[in-house]
Amino acid sequence: QVQLVESGGGLVQPGGSLRLSCAASGFSFSISQMYWYRKAPGKRREWVAGISEIGDTTNYPDSVKGRFLISRNNAKNTLYLQMNSLKLEDSALYYCNVLLAGDDYWGQGTQVTVSS
């Protein structure tokens, strides 16, 4: 079955950095577009990054563009999100996501807390 396991979250001060990972299994990772989303309490889930199957195309919303970098290692079936210059408003539960045959799959999420 499809499994997505996020890790790497934690507590960081404003301006700091974190690198999230998402270990994928149960599907053909190397031919799947992948995404990162986040959900903060009281807010709607927000898309934060997307990457093409071979990693040559990436997309970001304006809220994180220039600060976040999505990447992937298809040999390791792993997705990454490098987050730099973190802001208080980046605090959220971060999820990786894949859409397969019309169905959305999500991991359990990893918590990122930005606080001084």
PDB file of N, CA and C in Angstrom:
ATOM      1  N   GLN A   1       0.838  -1.182   0.000  1.00  0.00           N
ATOM      2  CA  GLN A   1       0.000   0.000   0.000  1.00  0.00           C
ATOM      3  C   GLN A   1       0.885   1.249   0.000  1.00  0.00           C
ATOM      4  N   VAL A   2       0.278   2.336  -0.400  1.00  0.00           N
ATOM      5  CA  VAL A   2       0.999   3.605  -0.455  1.00  0.00           C
ATOM      6  C   VAL A   2       1.321   4.072   0.963  1.00  0.00           C
ATOM      7  N   GLN A   3       2.583   4.412   1.171  1.00  0.00           N
ATOM      8  CA  GLN A   3       2.996   4.980   2.447  1.00  0.00           C
ATOM      9  C   GLN A   3       3.861   6.198   2.216  1.00  0.00           C
ATOM     10  N   LEU A   4       3.567   7.235   2.972  1.00  0.00           N
ATOM     11  CA  LEU A   4       4.355   8.463   2.964  1.00  0.00           C
ATOM     12  C   LEU A   4       4.678   8.790   4.415  1.00  0.00           C
ATOM     13  N   VAL A   5       5.956   8.875   4.723  1.00  0.00           N
ATOM     14  CA  VAL A   5       6.371   9.106   6.105  1.00  0.00           C
ATOM     15  C   VAL A   5       7.266  10.334   6.162  1.00  0.00           C
ATOM     16  N   GLU A   6       6.726  11.396   6.766  1.00  0.00           N
ATOM     17  CA  GLU A   6       7.466  12.643   6.886  1.00  0.00           C
ATOM     18  C   GLU A   6       8.315  12.654   8.142  1.00  0.00           C
ATOM     19  N   SER A   7       9.405  13.397   8.094  1.00  0.00           N
ATOM     20  CA  SER A   7      10.271  13.581   9.252  1.00  0.00           C
ATOM     21  C   SER A   7      11.044  14.876   9.086  1.00  0.00           C
ATOM     22  N   GLY A   8      11.697  15.285  10.168  1.00  0.00           N
ATOM     23  CA  GLY A   8      12.558  16.451  10.099  1.00  0.00           C
ATOM     24  C   GLY A   8      12.003  17.719  10.700  1.00  0.00           C
ATOM     25  N   GLY A   9      10.765  17.676  11.144  1.00  0.00           N
ATOM     26  CA  GLY A   9      10.194  18.859  11.756  1.00  0.00           C
ATOM     27  C   GLY A   9      10.808  19.137  13.119  1.00  0.00           C
ATOM     28  N   GLY A  10      10.448  20.289  13.679  1.00  0.00           N
ATOM     29  CA  GLY A  10      10.960  20.636  14.995  1.00  0.00           C
ATOM     30  C   GLY A  10      10.702  22.083  15.325  1.00  0.00           C
ATOM     31  N   LEU A  11      11.357  22.530  16.384  1.00  0.00           N
ATOM     32  CA  LEU A  11      11.249  23.908  16.847  1.00  0.00           C
ATOM     33  C   LEU A  11      12.463  24.683  16.353  1.00  0.00           C
ATOM     34  N   VAL A  12      12.201  25.825  15.741  1.00  0.00           N
ATOM     35  CA  VAL A  12      13.287  26.633  15.197  1.00  0.00           C
ATOM     36  C   VAL A  12      12.965  28.104  15.413  1.00  0.00           C
ATOM     37  N   GLN A  13      13.984  28.903  15.554  1.00  0.00           N
ATOM     38  CA  GLN A  13      13.788  30.338  15.731  1.00  0.00           C
ATOM     39  C   GLN A  13      13.523  31.007  14.383  1.00  0.00           C
ATOM     40  N   PRO A  14      12.865  32.138  14.398  1.00  0.00           N
ATOM     41  CA  PRO A  14      12.677  32.893  13.153  1.00  0.00           C
ATOM     42  C   PRO A  14      14.015  33.152  12.469  1.00  0.00           C
ATOM     43  N   GLY A  15      14.022  32.973  11.155  1.00  0.00           N
ATOM     44  CA  GLY A  15      15.253  33.120  10.397  1.00  0.00           C
ATOM     45  C   GLY A  15      16.037  31.835  10.249  1.00  0.00           C
ATOM     46  N   GLY A  16      15.637  30.815  10.976  1.00  0.00           N
ATOM     47  CA  GLY A  16      16.344  29.547  10.932  1.00  0.00           C
ATOM     48  C   GLY A  16      15.935  28.681   9.757  1.00  0.00           C
ATOM     49  N   SER A  17      16.499  27.481   9.733  1.00  0.00           N
ATOM     50  CA  SER A  17      16.259  26.550   8.631  1.00  0.00           C
ATOM     51  C   SER A  17      15.918  25.165   9.157  1.00  0.00           C
ATOM     52  N   LEU A  18      15.161  24.442   8.351  1.00  0.00           N
ATOM     53  CA  LEU A  18      14.866  23.035   8.601  1.00  0.00           C
ATOM     54  C   LEU A  18      14.812  22.315   7.264  1.00  0.00           C
ATOM     55  N   ARG A  19      15.106  21.017   7.307  1.00  0.00           N
ATOM     56  CA  ARG A  19      14.969  20.198   6.111  1.00  0.00           C
ATOM     57  C   ARG A  19      14.026  19.041   6.428  1.00  0.00           C
ATOM     58  N   LEU A  20      12.928  19.007   5.723  1.00  0.00           N
ATOM     59  CA  LEU A  20      11.962  17.929   5.888  1.00  0.00           C
ATOM     60  C   LEU A  20      12.229  16.830   4.868  1.00  0.00           C
ATOM     61  N   SER A  21      11.900  15.615   5.263  1.00  0.00           N
ATOM     62  CA  SER A  21      12.024  14.469   4.360  1.00  0.00           C
ATOM     63  C   SER A  21      10.697  13.728   4.317  1.00  0.00           C
ATOM     64  N   CYS A  22      10.469  13.052   3.220  1.00  0.00           N
ATOM     65  CA  CYS A  22       9.283  12.215   3.063  1.00  0.00           C
ATOM     66  C   CYS A  22       9.715  10.921   2.383  1.00  0.00           C
ATOM     67  N   ALA A  23       9.672   9.837   3.134  1.00  0.00           N
ATOM     68  CA  ALA A  23      10.010   8.531   2.586  1.00  0.00           C
ATOM     69  C   ALA A  23       8.771   7.897   1.977  1.00  0.00           C
ATOM     70  N   ALA A  24       8.860   7.545   0.709  1.00  0.00           N
ATOM     71  CA  ALA A  24       7.704   7.035  -0.027  1.00  0.00           C
ATOM     72  C   ALA A  24       7.876   5.553  -0.350  1.00  0.00           C
ATOM     73  N   SER A  25       6.776   4.827  -0.343  1.00  0.00           N
ATOM     74  CA  SER A  25       6.795   3.421  -0.716  1.00  0.00           C
ATOM     75  C   SER A  25       5.414   2.997  -1.188  1.00  0.00           C
ATOM     76  N   GLY A  26       5.355   1.877  -1.892  1.00  0.00           N
ATOM     77  CA  GLY A  26       4.082   1.318  -2.324  1.00  0.00           C
ATOM     78  C   GLY A  26       3.571   1.837  -3.650  1.00  0.00           C
ATOM     79  N   PHE A  27       4.355   2.665  -4.319  1.00  0.00           N
ATOM     80  CA  PHE A  27       3.969   3.158  -5.634  1.00  0.00           C
ATOM     81  C   PHE A  27       5.240   3.532  -6.399  1.00  0.00           C
ATOM     82  N   SER A  28       5.070   3.855  -7.668  1.00  0.00           N
ATOM     83  CA  SER A  28       6.216   4.185  -8.508  1.00  0.00           C
ATOM     84  C   SER A  28       6.618   5.643  -8.291  1.00  0.00           C
ATOM     85  N   PHE A  29       7.432   5.853  -7.290  1.00  0.00           N
ATOM     86  CA  PHE A  29       7.826   7.209  -6.894  1.00  0.00           C
ATOM     87  C   PHE A  29       8.454   7.981  -8.046  1.00  0.00           C
ATOM     88  N   SER A  30       9.310   7.337  -8.808  1.00  0.00           N
ATOM     89  CA  SER A  30      10.090   8.049  -9.819  1.00  0.00           C
ATOM     90  C   SER A  30       9.266   8.555 -10.994  1.00  0.00           C
ATOM     91  N   ILE A  31       8.020   8.101 -11.114  1.00  0.00           N
ATOM     92  CA  ILE A  31       7.165   8.582 -12.201  1.00  0.00           C
ATOM     93  C   ILE A  31       5.960   9.342 -11.657  1.00  0.00           C
ATOM     94  N   SER A  32       6.092   9.835 -10.434  1.00  0.00           N
ATOM     95  CA  SER A  32       4.990  10.551  -9.780  1.00  0.00           C
ATOM     96  C   SER A  32       5.393  11.971  -9.417  1.00  0.00           C
ATOM     97  N   GLN A  33       4.536  12.920  -9.783  1.00  0.00           N
ATOM     98  CA  GLN A  33       4.719  14.274  -9.267  1.00  0.00           C
ATOM     99  C   GLN A  33       4.441  14.251  -7.769  1.00  0.00           C
ATOM    100  N   MET A  34       5.172  15.066  -7.051  1.00  0.00           N
ATOM    101  CA  MET A  34       5.032  15.079  -5.591  1.00  0.00           C
ATOM    102  C   MET A  34       4.828  16.504  -5.094  1.00  0.00           C
ATOM    103  N   TYR A  35       4.220  16.602  -3.931  1.00  0.00           N
ATOM    104  CA  TYR A  35       3.856  17.906  -3.385  1.00  0.00           C
ATOM    105  C   TYR A  35       4.083  17.943  -1.881  1.00  0.00           C
ATOM    106  N   TRP A  36       4.291  19.156  -1.393  1.00  0.00           N
ATOM    107  CA  TRP A  36       4.267  19.445   0.044  1.00  0.00           C
ATOM    108  C   TRP A  36       3.105  20.397   0.309  1.00  0.00           C
ATOM    109  N   TYR A  37       2.407  20.128   1.401  1.00  0.00           N
ATOM    110  CA  TYR A  37       1.345  20.984   1.897  1.00  0.00           C
ATOM    111  C   TYR A  37       1.599  21.252   3.370  1.00  0.00           C
ATOM    112  N   ARG A  38       0.863  22.232   3.899  1.00  0.00           N
ATOM    113  CA  ARG A  38       0.920  22.492   5.331  1.00  0.00           C
ATOM    114  C   ARG A  38      -0.456  22.897   5.836  1.00  0.00           C
ATOM    115  N   LYS A  39      -0.654  22.655   7.125  1.00  0.00           N
ATOM    116  CA  LYS A  39      -1.943  22.985   7.754  1.00  0.00           C
ATOM    117  C   LYS A  39      -1.644  23.555   9.130  1.00  0.00           C
ATOM    118  N   ALA A  40      -2.058  24.818   9.309  1.00  0.00           N
ATOM    119  CA  ALA A  40      -1.922  25.466  10.604  1.00  0.00           C
ATOM    120  C   ALA A  40      -3.287  25.507  11.283  1.00  0.00           C
ATOM    121  N   PRO A  41      -3.317  25.506  12.602  1.00  0.00           N
ATOM    122  CA  PRO A  41      -4.596  25.540  13.321  1.00  0.00           C
ATOM    123  C   PRO A  41      -5.428  26.750  12.900  1.00  0.00           C
ATOM    124  N   GLY A  42      -6.677  26.507  12.575  1.00  0.00           N
ATOM    125  CA  GLY A  42      -7.573  27.599  12.214  1.00  0.00           C
ATOM    126  C   GLY A  42      -7.417  28.102  10.792  1.00  0.00           C
ATOM    127  N   LYS A  43      -6.515  27.479  10.034  1.00  0.00           N
ATOM    128  CA  LYS A  43      -6.309  27.897   8.655  1.00  0.00           C
ATOM    129  C   LYS A  43      -6.574  26.727   7.713  1.00  0.00           C
ATOM    130  N   ARG A  44      -6.838  27.049   6.461  1.00  0.00           N
ATOM    131  CA  ARG A  44      -7.016  26.006   5.465  1.00  0.00           C
ATOM    132  C   ARG A  44      -5.665  25.385   5.109  1.00  0.00           C
ATOM    133  N   ARG A  45      -5.737  24.147   4.634  1.00  0.00           N
ATOM    134  CA  ARG A  45      -4.523  23.503   4.149  1.00  0.00           C
ATOM    135  C   ARG A  45      -3.977  24.296   2.971  1.00  0.00           C
ATOM    136  N   GLU A  46      -2.673  24.459   2.936  1.00  0.00           N
ATOM    137  CA  GLU A  46      -2.019  25.294   1.931  1.00  0.00           C
ATOM    138  C   GLU A  46      -0.961  24.487   1.192  1.00  0.00           C
ATOM    139  N   TRP A  47      -0.986  24.565  -0.116  1.00  0.00           N
ATOM    140  CA  TRP A  47       0.051  23.956  -0.928  1.00  0.00           C
ATOM    141  C   TRP A  47       1.306  24.805  -0.820  1.00  0.00           C
ATOM    142  N   VAL A  48       2.474  24.173  -0.633  1.00  0.00           N
ATOM    143  CA  VAL A  48       3.704  24.952  -0.482  1.00  0.00           C
ATOM    144  C   VAL A  48       4.780  24.623  -1.512  1.00  0.00           C
ATOM    145  N   ALA A  49       4.676  23.480  -2.192  1.00  0.00           N
ATOM    146  CA  ALA A  49       5.688  23.168  -3.203  1.00  0.00           C
ATOM    147  C   ALA A  49       5.263  21.962  -4.023  1.00  0.00           C
ATOM    148  N   GLY A  50       5.714  21.940  -5.273  1.00  0.00           N
ATOM    149  CA  GLY A  50       5.478  20.801  -6.138  1.00  0.00           C
ATOM    150  C   GLY A  50       6.701  20.533  -6.988  1.00  0.00           C
ATOM    151  N   ILE A  51       6.888  19.272  -7.373  1.00  0.00           N
ATOM    152  CA  ILE A  51       8.050  18.898  -8.165  1.00  0.00           C
ATOM    153  C   ILE A  51       7.658  17.844  -9.188  1.00  0.00           C
ATOM    154  N   SER A  52       8.252  17.956 -10.352  1.00  0.00           N
ATOM    155  CA  SER A  52       7.973  17.005 -11.418  1.00  0.00           C
ATOM    156  C   SER A  52       8.638  15.658 -11.146  1.00  0.00           C
ATOM    157  N   GLU A  53       8.347  14.697 -12.008  1.00  0.00           N
ATOM    158  CA  GLU A  53       8.789  13.328 -11.792  1.00  0.00           C
ATOM    159  C   GLU A  53      10.308  13.210 -11.692  1.00  0.00           C
ATOM    160  N   ILE A  54      11.030  13.945 -12.521  1.00  0.00           N
ATOM    161  CA  ILE A  54      12.485  13.837 -12.485  1.00  0.00           C
ATOM    162  C   ILE A  54      13.125  15.043 -11.811  1.00  0.00           C
ATOM    163  N   GLY A  55      12.312  15.913 -11.278  1.00  0.00           N
ATOM    164  CA  GLY A  55      12.827  17.030 -10.503  1.00  0.00           C
ATOM    165  C   GLY A  55      13.279  18.233 -11.305  1.00  0.00           C
ATOM    166  N   ASP A  56      12.964  18.261 -12.593  1.00  0.00           N
ATOM    167  CA  ASP A  56      13.446  19.382 -13.410  1.00  0.00           C
ATOM    168  C   ASP A  56      12.522  20.584 -13.362  1.00  0.00           C
ATOM    169  N   THR A  57      11.349  20.400 -12.813  1.00  0.00           N
ATOM    170  CA  THR A  57      10.403  21.503 -12.693  1.00  0.00           C
ATOM    171  C   THR A  57       9.877  21.561 -11.268  1.00  0.00           C
ATOM    172  N   THR A  58       9.931  22.759 -10.676  1.00  0.00           N
ATOM    173  CA  THR A  58       9.402  22.972  -9.334  1.00  0.00           C
ATOM    174  C   THR A  58       8.504  24.201  -9.333  1.00  0.00           C
ATOM    175  N   ASN A  59       7.570  24.202  -8.402  1.00  0.00           N
ATOM    176  CA  ASN A  59       6.626  25.319  -8.291  1.00  0.00           C
ATOM    177  C   ASN A  59       6.368  25.632  -6.836  1.00  0.00           C
ATOM    178  N   TYR A  60       6.136  26.926  -6.563  1.00  0.00           N
ATOM    179  CA  TYR A  60       5.904  27.389  -5.200  1.00  0.00           C
ATOM    180  C   TYR A  60       4.885  28.524  -5.211  1.00  0.00           C
ATOM    181  N   PRO A  61       4.130  28.666  -4.142  1.00  0.00           N
ATOM    182  CA  PRO A  61       3.303  29.869  -4.016  1.00  0.00           C
ATOM    183  C   PRO A  61       4.186  31.040  -3.597  1.00  0.00           C
ATOM    184  N   ASP A  62       3.674  32.222  -3.752  1.00  0.00           N
ATOM    185  CA  ASP A  62       4.456  33.417  -3.419  1.00  0.00           C
ATOM    186  C   ASP A  62       4.858  33.449  -1.947  1.00  0.00           C
ATOM    187  N   SER A  63       4.065  32.828  -1.096  1.00  0.00           N
ATOM    188  CA  SER A  63       4.328  32.888   0.342  1.00  0.00           C
ATOM    189  C   SER A  63       5.651  32.229   0.731  1.00  0.00           C
ATOM    190  N   VAL A  64       6.152  31.301  -0.078  1.00  0.00           N
ATOM    191  CA  VAL A  64       7.390  30.600   0.276  1.00  0.00           C
ATOM    192  C   VAL A  64       8.454  30.701  -0.811  1.00  0.00           C
ATOM    193  N   LYS A  65       8.109  31.277  -1.942  1.00  0.00           N
ATOM    194  CA  LYS A  65       9.047  31.353  -3.062  1.00  0.00           C
ATOM    195  C   LYS A  65      10.315  32.097  -2.655  1.00  0.00           C
ATOM    196  N   GLY A  66      11.451  31.521  -2.989  1.00  0.00           N
ATOM    197  CA  GLY A  66      12.730  32.113  -2.633  1.00  0.00           C
ATOM    198  C   GLY A  66      13.238  31.691  -1.268  1.00  0.00           C
ATOM    199  N   ARG A  67      12.387  31.047  -0.477  1.00  0.00           N
ATOM    200  CA  ARG A  67      12.803  30.586   0.856  1.00  0.00           C
ATOM    201  C   ARG A  67      12.791  29.058   0.966  1.00  0.00           C
ATOM    202  N   PHE A  68      11.865  28.415   0.274  1.00  0.00           N
ATOM    203  CA  PHE A  68      11.730  26.953   0.324  1.00  0.00           C
ATOM    204  C   PHE A  68      12.244  26.357  -0.972  1.00  0.00           C
ATOM    205  N   LEU A  69      12.808  25.150  -0.848  1.00  0.00           N
ATOM    206  CA  LEU A  69      13.314  24.434  -2.015  1.00  0.00           C
ATOM    207  C   LEU A  69      12.898  22.974  -1.929  1.00  0.00           C
ATOM    208  N   ILE A  70      12.120  22.534  -2.906  1.00  0.00           N
ATOM    209  CA  ILE A  70      11.696  21.143  -2.958  1.00  0.00           C
ATOM    210  C   ILE A  70      12.679  20.375  -3.839  1.00  0.00           C
ATOM    211  N   SER A  71      12.973  19.158  -3.448  1.00  0.00           N
ATOM    212  CA  SER A  71      13.859  18.307  -4.245  1.00  0.00           C
ATOM    213  C   SER A  71      13.484  16.853  -3.998  1.00  0.00           C
ATOM    214  N   ARG A  72      14.095  15.969  -4.775  1.00  0.00           N
ATOM    215  CA  ARG A  72      13.785  14.554  -4.628  1.00  0.00           C
ATOM    216  C   ARG A  72      14.999  13.716  -5.005  1.00  0.00           C
ATOM    217  N   ASN A  73      15.036  12.523  -4.426  1.00  0.00           N
ATOM    218  CA  ASN A  73      16.049  11.537  -4.783  1.00  0.00           C
ATOM    219  C   ASN A  73      15.292  10.274  -5.189  1.00  0.00           C
ATOM    220  N   ASN A  74      15.177  10.065  -6.473  1.00  0.00           N
ATOM    221  CA  ASN A  74      14.386   8.929  -6.942  1.00  0.00           C
ATOM    222  C   ASN A  74      15.041   7.585  -6.635  1.00  0.00           C
ATOM    223  N   ALA A  75      16.350   7.577  -6.478  1.00  0.00           N
ATOM    224  CA  ALA A  75      17.032   6.335  -6.114  1.00  0.00           C
ATOM    225  C   ALA A  75      16.696   5.923  -4.683  1.00  0.00           C
ATOM    226  N   LYS A  76      16.350   6.904  -3.851  1.00  0.00           N
ATOM    227  CA  LYS A  76      16.024   6.632  -2.448  1.00  0.00           C
ATOM    228  C   LYS A  76      14.528   6.749  -2.166  1.00  0.00           C
ATOM    229  N   ASN A  77      13.731   7.019  -3.208  1.00  0.00           N
ATOM    230  CA  ASN A  77      12.277   7.199  -3.018  1.00  0.00           C
ATOM    231  C   ASN A  77      11.981   8.213  -1.913  1.00  0.00           C
ATOM    232  N   THR A  78      12.692   9.316  -1.957  1.00  0.00           N
ATOM    233  CA  THR A  78      12.563  10.310  -0.893  1.00  0.00           C
ATOM    234  C   THR A  78      12.367  11.708  -1.466  1.00  0.00           C
ATOM    235  N   LEU A  79      11.457  12.417  -0.856  1.00  0.00           N
ATOM    236  CA  LEU A  79      11.148  13.806  -1.189  1.00  0.00           C
ATOM    237  C   LEU A  79      11.671  14.695  -0.067  1.00  0.00           C
ATOM    238  N   TYR A  80      12.131  15.889  -0.422  1.00  0.00           N
ATOM    239  CA  TYR A  80      12.692  16.801   0.565  1.00  0.00           C
ATOM    240  C   TYR A  80      12.049  18.183   0.450  1.00  0.00           C
ATOM    241  N   LEU A  81      12.115  18.912   1.548  1.00  0.00           N
ATOM    242  CA  LEU A  81      11.749  20.318   1.539  1.00  0.00           C
ATOM    243  C   LEU A  81      12.744  21.062   2.420  1.00  0.00           C
ATOM    244  N   GLN A  82      13.601  21.841   1.780  1.00  0.00           N
ATOM    245  CA  GLN A  82      14.539  22.699   2.509  1.00  0.00           C
ATOM    246  C   GLN A  82      13.845  24.035   2.769  1.00  0.00           C
ATOM    247  N   MET A  83      13.744  24.384   4.025  1.00  0.00           N
ATOM    248  CA  MET A  83      13.053  25.608   4.408  1.00  0.00           C
ATOM    249  C   MET A  83      14.049  26.558   5.055  1.00  0.00           C
ATOM    250  N   ASN A  84      14.230  27.708   4.459  1.00  0.00           N
ATOM    251  CA  ASN A  84      15.159  28.720   4.956  1.00  0.00           C
ATOM    252  C   ASN A  84      14.408  29.994   5.334  1.00  0.00           C
ATOM    253  N   SER A  85      15.081  30.840   6.077  1.00  0.00           N
ATOM    254  CA  SER A  85      14.489  32.126   6.484  1.00  0.00           C
ATOM    255  C   SER A  85      13.081  31.935   7.028  1.00  0.00           C
ATOM    256  N   LEU A  86      12.947  30.993   7.928  1.00  0.00           N
ATOM    257  CA  LEU A  86      11.617  30.650   8.440  1.00  0.00           C
ATOM    258  C   LEU A  86      10.997  31.803   9.210  1.00  0.00           C
ATOM    259  N   LYS A  87       9.689  31.930   9.053  1.00  0.00           N
ATOM    260  CA  LYS A  87       8.919  32.979   9.697  1.00  0.00           C
ATOM    261  C   LYS A  87       7.921  32.353  10.675  1.00  0.00           C
ATOM    262  N   LEU A  88       7.420  33.171  11.568  1.00  0.00           N
ATOM    263  CA  LEU A  88       6.430  32.688  12.540  1.00  0.00           C
ATOM    264  C   LEU A  88       5.248  32.038  11.821  1.00  0.00           C
ATOM    265  N   GLU A  89       4.854  32.635  10.710  1.00  0.00           N
ATOM    266  CA  GLU A  89       3.673  32.147   9.992  1.00  0.00           C
ATOM    267  C   GLU A  89       3.918  30.853   9.225  1.00  0.00           C
ATOM    268  N   ASP A  90       5.150  30.361   9.229  1.00  0.00           N
ATOM    269  CA  ASP A  90       5.437  29.066   8.613  1.00  0.00           C
ATOM    270  C   ASP A  90       5.114  27.903   9.553  1.00  0.00           C
ATOM    271  N   SER A  91       4.790  28.200  10.804  1.00  0.00           N
ATOM    272  CA  SER A  91       4.463  27.145  11.758  1.00  0.00           C
ATOM    273  C   SER A  91       3.225  26.391  11.288  1.00  0.00           C
ATOM    274  N   ALA A  92       3.329  25.075  11.201  1.00  0.00           N
ATOM    275  CA  ALA A  92       2.225  24.258  10.707  1.00  0.00           C
ATOM    276  C   ALA A  92       2.632  22.794  10.740  1.00  0.00           C
ATOM    277  N   LEU A  93       1.657  21.950  10.476  1.00  0.00           N
ATOM    278  CA  LEU A  93       1.929  20.533  10.239  1.00  0.00           C
ATOM    279  C   LEU A  93       2.161  20.379   8.735  1.00  0.00           C
ATOM    280  N   TYR A  94       3.307  19.830   8.383  1.00  0.00           N
ATOM    281  CA  TYR A  94       3.698  19.716   6.978  1.00  0.00           C
ATOM    282  C   TYR A  94       3.513  18.278   6.496  1.00  0.00           C
ATOM    283  N   TYR A  95       2.868  18.158   5.337  1.00  0.00           N
ATOM    284  CA  TYR A  95       2.554  16.853   4.760  1.00  0.00           C
ATOM    285  C   TYR A  95       3.138  16.734   3.354  1.00  0.00           C
ATOM    286  N   CYS A  96       3.558  15.545   2.990  1.00  0.00           N
ATOM    287  CA  CYS A  96       3.819  15.285   1.582  1.00  0.00           C
ATOM    288  C   CYS A  96       2.596  14.591   0.986  1.00  0.00           C
ATOM    289  N   ASN A  97       2.482  14.720  -0.314  1.00  0.00           N
ATOM    290  CA  ASN A  97       1.263  14.297  -0.997  1.00  0.00           C
ATOM    291  C   ASN A  97       1.581  13.759  -2.382  1.00  0.00           C
ATOM    292  N   VAL A  98       0.809  12.755  -2.765  1.00  0.00           N
ATOM    293  CA  VAL A  98       0.878  12.249  -4.130  1.00  0.00           C
ATOM    294  C   VAL A  98      -0.538  11.944  -4.593  1.00  0.00           C
ATOM    295  N   LEU A  99      -0.784  12.218  -5.853  1.00  0.00           N
ATOM    296  CA  LEU A  99      -2.079  11.934  -6.463  1.00  0.00           C
ATOM    297  C   LEU A  99      -1.906  10.753  -7.413  1.00  0.00           C
ATOM    298  N   LEU A 100      -2.601   9.663  -7.121  1.00  0.00           N
ATOM    299  CA  LEU A 100      -2.465   8.446  -7.920  1.00  0.00           C
ATOM    300  C   LEU A 100      -3.840   7.992  -8.387  1.00  0.00           C
ATOM    301  N   ALA A 101      -4.030   7.947  -9.700  1.00  0.00           N
ATOM    302  CA  ALA A 101      -5.292   7.486 -10.276  1.00  0.00           C
ATOM    303  C   ALA A 101      -6.486   8.191  -9.640  1.00  0.00           C
ATOM    304  N   GLY A 102      -6.343   9.471  -9.410  1.00  0.00           N
ATOM    305  CA  GLY A 102      -7.439  10.265  -8.884  1.00  0.00           C
ATOM    306  C   GLY A 102      -7.584  10.259  -7.381  1.00  0.00           C
ATOM    307  N   ASP A 103      -6.775   9.518  -6.694  1.00  0.00           N
ATOM    308  CA  ASP A 103      -6.838   9.463  -5.227  1.00  0.00           C
ATOM    309  C   ASP A 103      -5.653  10.190  -4.614  1.00  0.00           C
ATOM    310  N   ASP A 104      -5.939  10.986  -3.586  1.00  0.00           N
ATOM    311  CA  ASP A 104      -4.908  11.694  -2.845  1.00  0.00           C
ATOM    312  C   ASP A 104      -4.389  10.820  -1.708  1.00  0.00           C
ATOM    313  N   TYR A 105      -3.074  10.813  -1.560  1.00  0.00           N
ATOM    314  CA  TYR A 105      -2.450  10.100  -0.452  1.00  0.00           C
ATOM    315  C   TYR A 105      -1.614  11.085   0.363  1.00  0.00           C
ATOM    316  N   TRP A 106      -1.679  10.905   1.671  1.00  0.00           N
ATOM    317  CA  TRP A 106      -1.014  11.819   2.602  1.00  0.00           C
ATOM    318  C   TRP A 106      -0.243  11.032   3.649  1.00  0.00           C
ATOM    319  N   GLY A 107       0.832  11.658   4.103  1.00  0.00           N
ATOM    320  CA  GLY A 107       1.506  11.096   5.256  1.00  0.00           C
ATOM    321  C   GLY A 107       0.858  11.589   6.533  1.00  0.00           C
ATOM    322  N   GLN A 108       1.495  11.273   7.666  1.00  0.00           N
ATOM    323  CA  GLN A 108       0.940  11.674   8.956  1.00  0.00           C
ATOM    324  C   GLN A 108       1.330  13.099   9.312  1.00  0.00           C
ATOM    325  N   GLY A 109       2.301  13.633   8.597  1.00  0.00           N
ATOM    326  CA  GLY A 109       2.735  14.999   8.828  1.00  0.00           C
ATOM    327  C   GLY A 109       3.882  15.107   9.819  1.00  0.00           C
ATOM    328  N   THR A 110       4.604  16.209   9.711  1.00  0.00           N
ATOM    329  CA  THR A 110       5.669  16.522  10.669  1.00  0.00           C
ATOM    330  C   THR A 110       5.501  17.978  11.087  1.00  0.00           C
ATOM    331  N   GLN A 111       5.556  18.226  12.376  1.00  0.00           N
ATOM    332  CA  GLN A 111       5.262  19.551  12.918  1.00  0.00           C
ATOM    333  C   GLN A 111       6.475  20.462  12.825  1.00  0.00           C
ATOM    334  N   VAL A 112       6.229  21.648  12.298  1.00  0.00           N
ATOM    335  CA  VAL A 112       7.238  22.707  12.266  1.00  0.00           C
ATOM    336  C   VAL A 112       6.720  23.863  13.109  1.00  0.00           C
ATOM    337  N   THR A 113       7.504  24.248  14.085  1.00  0.00           N
ATOM    338  CA  THR A 113       7.136  25.370  14.953  1.00  0.00           C
ATOM    339  C   THR A 113       8.239  26.406  14.905  1.00  0.00           C
ATOM    340  N   VAL A 114       7.867  27.591  14.481  1.00  0.00           N
ATOM    341  CA  VAL A 114       8.815  28.702  14.421  1.00  0.00           C
ATOM    342  C   VAL A 114       8.471  29.654  15.561  1.00  0.00           C
ATOM    343  N   SER A 115       9.388  29.799  16.487  1.00  0.00           N
ATOM    344  CA  SER A 115       9.113  30.596  17.674  1.00  0.00           C
ATOM    345  C   SER A 115      10.416  31.127  18.253  1.00  0.00           C
ATOM    346  N   SER A 116      10.332  32.325  18.805  1.00  0.00           N
ATOM    347  CA  SER A 116      11.496  32.898  19.472  1.00  0.00           C
ATOM    348  C   SER A 116      11.455  32.595  20.963  1.00  0.00           C
TER     349      SER A 116
END
